[in-house]
PDB file of N, CA and C in Angstrom:
ATOM      1  N   MET A   1      73.996  -7.626   9.355  1.00  0.00           N
ATOM      2  CA  MET A   1      73.955  -6.098   9.110  1.00  0.00           C
ATOM      3  C   MET A   1      72.822  -5.379   9.511  1.00  0.00           C
ATOM      4  N   ILE A   2      72.866  -4.444  10.248  1.00  0.00           N
ATOM      5  CA  ILE A   2      71.726  -3.548  10.488  1.00  0.00           C
ATOM      6  C   ILE A   2      71.783  -2.443   9.647  1.00  0.00           C
ATOM      7  N   THR A   3      70.552  -2.141   9.056  1.00  0.00           N
ATOM      8  CA  THR A   3      70.421  -0.933   8.228  1.00  0.00           C
ATOM      9  C   THR A   3      69.670  -0.015   8.941  1.00  0.00           C
ATOM     10  N   LEU A   4      69.681   1.262   8.541  1.00  0.00           N
ATOM     11  CA  LEU A   4      68.818   2.310   9.208  1.00  0.00           C
ATOM     12  C   LEU A   4      67.289   2.103   9.046  1.00  0.00           C
ATOM     13  N   LYS A   5      66.883   1.676   7.724  1.00  0.00           N
ATOM     14  CA  LYS A   5      65.665   1.266   7.445  1.00  0.00           C
ATOM     15  C   LYS A   5      64.966   0.102   8.358  1.00  0.00           C
ATOM     16  N   ASN A   6      65.810  -0.942   8.419  1.00  0.00           N
ATOM     17  CA  ASN A   6      65.303  -2.087   9.112  1.00  0.00           C
ATOM     18  C   ASN A   6      65.285  -1.948  10.551  1.00  0.00           C
ATOM     19  N   TRP A   7      66.310  -1.023  11.182  1.00  0.00           N
ATOM     20  CA  TRP A   7      66.064  -0.742  12.472  1.00  0.00           C
ATOM     21  C   TRP A   7      64.898   0.123  12.875  1.00  0.00           C
ATOM     22  N   CYS A   8      64.611   1.040  12.032  1.00  0.00           N
ATOM     23  CA  CYS A   8      63.586   1.980  12.263  1.00  0.00           C
ATOM     24  C   CYS A   8      62.188   1.116  12.192  1.00  0.00           C
ATOM     25  N   ASN A   9      62.041   0.424  11.168  1.00  0.00           N
ATOM     26  CA  ASN A   9      60.724  -0.535  10.830  1.00  0.00           C
ATOM     27  C   ASN A   9      60.710  -1.412  11.928  1.00  0.00           C
ATOM     28  N   LYS A  10      61.867  -1.965  12.488  1.00  0.00           N
ATOM     29  CA  LYS A  10      61.589  -2.995  13.554  1.00  0.00           C
ATOM     30  C   LYS A  10      61.257  -2.404  14.745  1.00  0.00           C
ATOM     31  N   ASN A  11      61.988  -1.341  15.137  1.00  0.00           N
ATOM     32  CA  ASN A  11      61.922  -0.781  16.538  1.00  0.00           C
ATOM     33  C   ASN A  11      60.871   0.209  16.929  1.00  0.00           C
ATOM     34  N   ILE A  12      60.410   0.784  15.880  1.00  0.00           N
ATOM     35  CA  ILE A  12      59.496   1.843  15.776  1.00  0.00           C
ATOM     36  C   ILE A  12      58.262   1.606  15.189  1.00  0.00           C
ATOM     37  N   THR A  13      57.896   1.773  13.977  1.00  0.00           N
ATOM     38  CA  THR A  13      56.807   1.133  13.289  1.00  0.00           C
ATOM     39  C   THR A  13      57.118   0.727  11.956  1.00  0.00           C
ATOM     40  N   PRO A  14      56.374  -0.146  11.372  1.00  0.00           N
ATOM     41  CA  PRO A  14      56.523  -0.385   9.942  1.00  0.00           C
ATOM     42  C   PRO A  14      56.789   0.656   8.989  1.00  0.00           C
ATOM     43  N   LEU A  15      56.267   1.726   9.193  1.00  0.00           N
ATOM     44  CA  LEU A  15      56.361   2.943   8.269  1.00  0.00           C
ATOM     45  C   LEU A  15      57.192   3.997   8.797  1.00  0.00           C
ATOM     46  N   ALA A  16      57.905   3.473   9.845  1.00  0.00           N
ATOM     47  CA  ALA A  16      58.969   4.738  10.256  1.00  0.00           C
ATOM     48  C   ALA A  16      59.829   5.346   9.263  1.00  0.00           C
ATOM     49  N   TRP A  17      60.464   4.416   8.639  1.00  0.00           N
ATOM     50  CA  TRP A  17      61.512   4.794   7.584  1.00  0.00           C
ATOM     51  C   TRP A  17      60.846   5.630   6.491  1.00  0.00           C
ATOM     52  N   GLN A  18      59.751   5.188   6.115  1.00  0.00           N
ATOM     53  CA  GLN A  18      58.967   6.123   5.058  1.00  0.00           C
ATOM     54  C   GLN A  18      58.602   7.720   5.610  1.00  0.00           C
ATOM     55  N   ARG A  19      58.365   7.654   6.881  1.00  0.00           N
ATOM     56  CA  ARG A  19      58.199   8.916   7.419  1.00  0.00           C
ATOM     57  C   ARG A  19      59.315   9.696   7.497  1.00  0.00           C
ATOM     58  N   ILE A  20      60.384   9.042   7.986  1.00  0.00           N
ATOM     59  CA  ILE A  20      61.693   9.917   8.176  1.00  0.00           C
ATOM     60  C   ILE A  20      62.068  10.311   6.752  1.00  0.00           C
ATOM     61  N   ILE A  21      62.127   9.439   5.591  1.00  0.00           N
ATOM     62  CA  ILE A  21      62.752   9.898   4.456  1.00  0.00           C
ATOM     63  C   ILE A  21      61.758  10.946   3.748  1.00  0.00           C
ATOM     64  N   ILE A  22      60.545  11.069   3.979  1.00  0.00           N
ATOM     65  CA  ILE A  22      59.759  12.102   3.488  1.00  0.00           C
ATOM     66  C   ILE A  22      59.841  13.368   4.136  1.00  0.00           C
ATOM     67  N   LYS A  23      60.348  13.265   5.409  1.00  0.00           N
ATOM     68  CA  LYS A  23      60.476  14.627   6.199  1.00  0.00           C
ATOM     69  C   LYS A  23      61.851  15.058   5.577  1.00  0.00           C
ATOM     70  N   VAL A  24      62.810  14.365   5.283  1.00  0.00           N
ATOM     71  CA  VAL A  24      64.374  14.969   4.696  1.00  0.00           C
ATOM     72  C   VAL A  24      64.406  14.933   3.318  1.00  0.00           C
ATOM     73  N   LEU A  25      63.243  14.576   2.591  1.00  0.00           N
ATOM     74  CA  LEU A  25      63.373  14.325   1.048  1.00  0.00           C
ATOM     75  C   LEU A  25      63.908  15.731   0.424  1.00  0.00           C
ATOM     76  N   PRO A  26      63.269  16.846   0.759  1.00  0.00           N
ATOM     77  CA  PRO A  26      63.771  18.118   0.018  1.00  0.00           C
ATOM     78  C   PRO A  26      65.289  18.430   0.133  1.00  0.00           C
ATOM     79  N   GLN A  27      65.841  18.025   1.380  1.00  0.00           N
ATOM     80  CA  GLN A  27      67.267  18.441   1.472  1.00  0.00           C
ATOM     81  C   GLN A  27      67.948  17.239   0.774  1.00  0.00           C
ATOM     82  N   LEU A  28      67.600  16.031   0.801  1.00  0.00           N
ATOM     83  CA  LEU A  28      68.303  15.071   0.131  1.00  0.00           C
ATOM     84  C   LEU A  28      68.071  15.007  -1.411  1.00  0.00           C
ATOM     85  N   ARG A  29      67.037  15.567  -1.821  1.00  0.00           N
ATOM     86  CA  ARG A  29      66.841  15.859  -3.408  1.00  0.00           C
ATOM     87  C   ARG A  29      67.868  16.772  -3.972  1.00  0.00           C
ATOM     88  N   GLU A  30      68.440  17.799  -2.951  1.00  0.00           N
ATOM     89  CA  GLU A  30      69.375  18.755  -3.408  1.00  0.00           C
ATOM     90  C   GLU A  30      70.722  18.122  -3.547  1.00  0.00           C
ATOM     91  N   LYS A  31      70.910  16.761  -3.052  1.00  0.00           N
ATOM     92  CA  LYS A  31      72.141  16.109  -3.024  1.00  0.00           C
ATOM     93  C   LYS A  31      72.018  15.051  -4.085  1.00  0.00           C
ATOM     94  N   GLY A  32      70.981  14.987  -4.938  1.00  0.00           N
ATOM     95  CA  GLY A  32      70.909  13.974  -5.827  1.00  0.00           C
ATOM     96  C   GLY A  32      70.107  12.715  -5.709  1.00  0.00           C
ATOM     97  N   PHE A  33      69.603  12.614  -4.388  1.00  0.00           N
ATOM     98  CA  PHE A  33      68.905  11.447  -4.128  1.00  0.00           C
ATOM     99  C   PHE A  33      67.326  11.479  -4.571  1.00  0.00           C
ATOM    100  N   GLU A  34      66.806  10.466  -4.885  1.00  0.00           N
ATOM    101  CA  GLU A  34      65.424  10.379  -5.338  1.00  0.00           C
ATOM    102  C   GLU A  34      64.798   9.482  -4.465  1.00  0.00           C
ATOM    103  N   LEU A  35      63.394   9.737  -4.476  1.00  0.00           N
ATOM    104  CA  LEU A  35      62.565   8.812  -3.185  1.00  0.00           C
ATOM    105  C   LEU A  35      62.798   7.227  -3.425  1.00  0.00           C
ATOM    106  N   ASP A  36      62.459   6.944  -4.489  1.00  0.00           N
ATOM    107  CA  ASP A  36      62.686   5.407  -4.704  1.00  0.00           C
ATOM    108  C   ASP A  36      64.100   4.821  -4.282  1.00  0.00           C
ATOM    109  N   GLU A  37      65.088   5.375  -4.422  1.00  0.00           N
ATOM    110  CA  GLU A  37      66.492   5.038  -3.984  1.00  0.00           C
ATOM    111  C   GLU A  37      66.408   5.124  -2.542  1.00  0.00           C
ATOM    112  N   LEU A  38      65.711   6.221  -1.718  1.00  0.00           N
ATOM    113  CA  LEU A  38      65.626   6.046  -0.238  1.00  0.00           C
ATOM    114  C   LEU A  38      64.619   5.307   0.223  1.00  0.00           C
ATOM    115  N   GLU A  39      63.463   4.960  -0.430  1.00  0.00           N
ATOM    116  CA  GLU A  39      62.670   4.166   0.154  1.00  0.00           C
ATOM    117  C   GLU A  39      63.234   2.697   0.125  1.00  0.00           C
ATOM    118  N   ASP A  40      64.119   2.257  -0.596  1.00  0.00           N
ATOM    119  CA  ASP A  40      64.606   0.791  -0.502  1.00  0.00           C
ATOM    120  C   ASP A  40      66.042   0.816  -0.887  1.00  0.00           C
ATOM    121  N   PRO A  41      66.835   1.479   0.015  1.00  0.00           N
ATOM    122  CA  PRO A  41      68.134   1.626  -0.287  1.00  0.00           C
ATOM    123  C   PRO A  41      68.826   0.300  -0.299  1.00  0.00           C
ATOM    124  N   ASN A  42      69.873   0.213  -1.327  1.00  0.00           N
ATOM    125  CA  ASN A  42      70.808  -1.095  -1.321  1.00  0.00           C
ATOM    126  C   ASN A  42      71.486  -1.323   0.110  1.00  0.00           C
ATOM    127  N   ASN A  43      71.528  -2.655   0.291  1.00  0.00           N
ATOM    128  CA  ASN A  43      72.425  -2.988   1.511  1.00  0.00           C
ATOM    129  C   ASN A  43      73.556  -2.372   1.721  1.00  0.00           C
ATOM    130  N   ASP A  44      74.269  -2.118   0.444  1.00  0.00           N
ATOM    131  CA  ASP A  44      75.567  -1.641   0.548  1.00  0.00           C
ATOM    132  C   ASP A  44      75.667  -0.245   0.366  1.00  0.00           C
ATOM    133  N   ARG A  45      74.555   0.537   0.520  1.00  0.00           N
ATOM    134  CA  ARG A  45      74.463   2.050   0.178  1.00  0.00           C
ATOM    135  C   ARG A  45      74.960   2.548   1.719  1.00  0.00           C
ATOM    136  N   LEU A  46      76.028   3.414   1.575  1.00  0.00           N
ATOM    137  CA  LEU A  46      76.555   4.157   2.770  1.00  0.00           C
ATOM    138  C   LEU A  46      76.017   5.582   2.586  1.00  0.00           C
ATOM    139  N   PHE A  47      75.678   5.935   3.707  1.00  0.00           N
ATOM    140  CA  PHE A  47      75.186   7.615   3.839  1.00  0.00           C
ATOM    141  C   PHE A  47      76.327   8.215   4.521  1.00  0.00           C
ATOM    142  N   GLN A  48      76.669   9.554   3.755  1.00  0.00           N
ATOM    143  CA  GLN A  48      77.606  10.273   4.480  1.00  0.00           C
ATOM    144  C   GLN A  48      77.064  10.802   5.979  1.00  0.00           C
ATOM    145  N   GLU A  49      77.962  11.368   6.601  1.00  0.00           N
ATOM    146  CA  GLU A  49      77.505  11.874   7.846  1.00  0.00           C
ATOM    147  C   GLU A  49      76.628  13.048   7.907  1.00  0.00           C
ATOM    148  N   GLU A  50      76.576  13.933   6.750  1.00  0.00           N
ATOM    149  CA  GLU A  50      75.622  14.924   6.715  1.00  0.00           C
ATOM    150  C   GLU A  50      74.117  14.393   6.493  1.00  0.00           C
ATOM    151  N   GLU A  51      74.087  13.329   5.791  1.00  0.00           N
ATOM    152  CA  GLU A  51      72.643  12.644   5.549  1.00  0.00           C
ATOM    153  C   GLU A  51      72.290  11.920   6.686  1.00  0.00           C
ATOM    154  N   PHE A  52      73.327  11.187   7.319  1.00  0.00           N
ATOM    155  CA  PHE A  52      72.966  10.606   8.457  1.00  0.00           C
ATOM    156  C   PHE A  52      72.421  11.471   9.736  1.00  0.00           C
ATOM    157  N   LYS A  53      72.901  12.666   9.711  1.00  0.00           N
ATOM    158  CA  LYS A  53      72.533  13.638  10.676  1.00  0.00           C
ATOM    159  C   LYS A  53      70.995  14.259  10.535  1.00  0.00           C
ATOM    160  N   LEU A  54      70.620  14.160   8.989  1.00  0.00           N
ATOM    161  CA  LEU A  54      69.407  14.570   8.630  1.00  0.00           C
ATOM    162  C   LEU A  54      68.523  13.330   9.085  1.00  0.00           C
ATOM    163  N   PHE A  55      68.657  12.113   8.958  1.00  0.00           N
ATOM    164  CA  PHE A  55      68.008  11.108   9.376  1.00  0.00           C
ATOM    165  C   PHE A  55      67.801  11.164  10.993  1.00  0.00           C
ATOM    166  N   THR A  56      68.752  11.413  11.628  1.00  0.00           N
ATOM    167  CA  THR A  56      68.816  11.316  13.350  1.00  0.00           C
ATOM    168  C   THR A  56      67.999  12.327  13.650  1.00  0.00           C
ATOM    169  N   ASP A  57      68.110  13.618  12.891  1.00  0.00           N
ATOM    170  CA  ASP A  57      67.349  14.790  13.600  1.00  0.00           C
ATOM    171  C   ASP A  57      65.788  14.549  13.174  1.00  0.00           C
ATOM    172  N   ALA A  58      65.332  13.891  11.985  1.00  0.00           N
ATOM    173  CA  ALA A  58      64.056  13.612  11.650  1.00  0.00           C
ATOM    174  C   ALA A  58      63.345  12.468  12.771  1.00  0.00           C
ATOM    175  N   LEU A  59      64.361  11.561  12.973  1.00  0.00           N
ATOM    176  CA  LEU A  59      63.916  10.607  13.999  1.00  0.00           C
ATOM    177  C   LEU A  59      63.424  11.223  15.386  1.00  0.00           C
ATOM    178  N   ASP A  60      64.403  12.121  15.830  1.00  0.00           N
ATOM    179  CA  ASP A  60      64.240  12.917  16.993  1.00  0.00           C
ATOM    180  C   ASP A  60      62.954  13.601  16.773  1.00  0.00           C
ATOM    181  N   THR A  61      62.755  14.339  15.618  1.00  0.00           N
ATOM    182  CA  THR A  61      61.483  15.228  15.525  1.00  0.00           C
ATOM    183  C   THR A  61      60.272  14.467  15.576  1.00  0.00           C
ATOM    184  N   LEU A  62      60.190  13.457  14.753  1.00  0.00           N
ATOM    185  CA  LEU A  62      59.001  12.677  14.461  1.00  0.00           C
ATOM    186  C   LEU A  62      58.709  11.666  15.525  1.00  0.00           C
ATOM    187  N   TYR A  63      59.823  11.144  16.367  1.00  0.00           N
ATOM    188  CA  TYR A  63      59.254  10.113  17.329  1.00  0.00           C
ATOM    189  C   TYR A  63      60.016  10.479  18.717  1.00  0.00           C
ATOM    190  N   ASN A  64      60.721  11.635  18.976  1.00  0.00           N
ATOM    191  CA  ASN A  64      61.371  11.889  20.133  1.00  0.00           C
ATOM    192  C   ASN A  64      62.335  10.744  20.492  1.00  0.00           C
ATOM    193  N   ILE A  65      63.074   9.919  19.699  1.00  0.00           N
ATOM    194  CA  ILE A  65      63.959   9.088  20.305  1.00  0.00           C
ATOM    195  C   ILE A  65      65.177   9.288  19.305  1.00  0.00           C
ATOM    196  N   SER A  66      66.142   8.735  19.797  1.00  0.00           N
ATOM    197  CA  SER A  66      67.542   8.713  18.975  1.00  0.00           C
ATOM    198  C   SER A  66      67.966   7.359  18.871  1.00  0.00           C
ATOM    199  N   PHE A  67      68.871   7.098  17.992  1.00  0.00           N
ATOM    200  CA  PHE A  67      69.479   5.569  17.748  1.00  0.00           C
ATOM    201  C   PHE A  67      70.143   5.269  19.055  1.00  0.00           C
ATOM    202  N   PRO A  68      70.030   3.967  19.552  1.00  0.00           N
ATOM    203  CA  PRO A  68      71.012   3.596  20.954  1.00  0.00           C
ATOM    204  C   PRO A  68      72.418   3.393  20.486  1.00  0.00           C
ATOM    205  N   LYS A  69      73.202   3.838  21.337  1.00  0.00           N
ATOM    206  CA  LYS A  69      74.648   3.826  20.894  1.00  0.00           C
ATOM    207  C   LYS A  69      75.081   2.377  20.274  1.00  0.00           C
ATOM    208  N   GLU A  70      74.373   1.255  21.006  1.00  0.00           N
ATOM    209  CA  GLU A  70      75.020   0.134  20.337  1.00  0.00           C
ATOM    210  C   GLU A  70      74.605  -0.146  19.130  1.00  0.00           C
ATOM    211  N   VAL A  71      73.457   0.460  18.379  1.00  0.00           N
ATOM    212  CA  VAL A  71      73.135   0.497  17.277  1.00  0.00           C
ATOM    213  C   VAL A  71      73.871   1.323  16.302  1.00  0.00           C
ATOM    214  N   MET A  72      74.216   2.510  16.815  1.00  0.00           N
ATOM    215  CA  MET A  72      74.920   3.373  16.166  1.00  0.00           C
ATOM    216  C   MET A  72      76.447   2.838  15.731  1.00  0.00           C
ATOM    217  N   ASP A  73      76.855   1.990  16.590  1.00  0.00           N
ATOM    218  CA  ASP A  73      78.258   1.364  16.515  1.00  0.00           C
ATOM    219  C   ASP A  73      78.278   0.326  15.442  1.00  0.00           C
ATOM    220  N   LYS A  74      76.909  -0.210  15.113  1.00  0.00           N
ATOM    221  CA  LYS A  74      76.862  -1.334  14.015  1.00  0.00           C
ATOM    222  C   LYS A  74      76.166  -0.814  13.005  1.00  0.00           C
ATOM    223  N   ILE A  75      75.649   0.419  12.914  1.00  0.00           N
ATOM    224  CA  ILE A  75      74.620   0.660  11.756  1.00  0.00           C
ATOM    225  C   ILE A  75      75.503   0.906  10.559  1.00  0.00           C
ATOM    226  N   GLN A  76      74.841   0.696   9.475  1.00  0.00           N
ATOM    227  CA  GLN A  76      75.262   1.058   8.053  1.00  0.00           C
ATOM    228  C   GLN A  76      74.442   2.224   7.447  1.00  0.00           C
TER     229      GLN A  76
END
């Protein structure tokens, strides 16, 4: 299983996921998420489309990249 966190940390930098969640934390807090839950999400944690869009926008803003299609098809 591929998770957003694992993909980011493996394919970008070991701290990529942390940078992404810090960038979107204000919007995610409005939805009831807390930092510790986002830093180490459970493997069975499913994000809604709106949250996923925040992650992909932050990835584009911070690193000027997007998730490859083959990753998008498998990602959780």
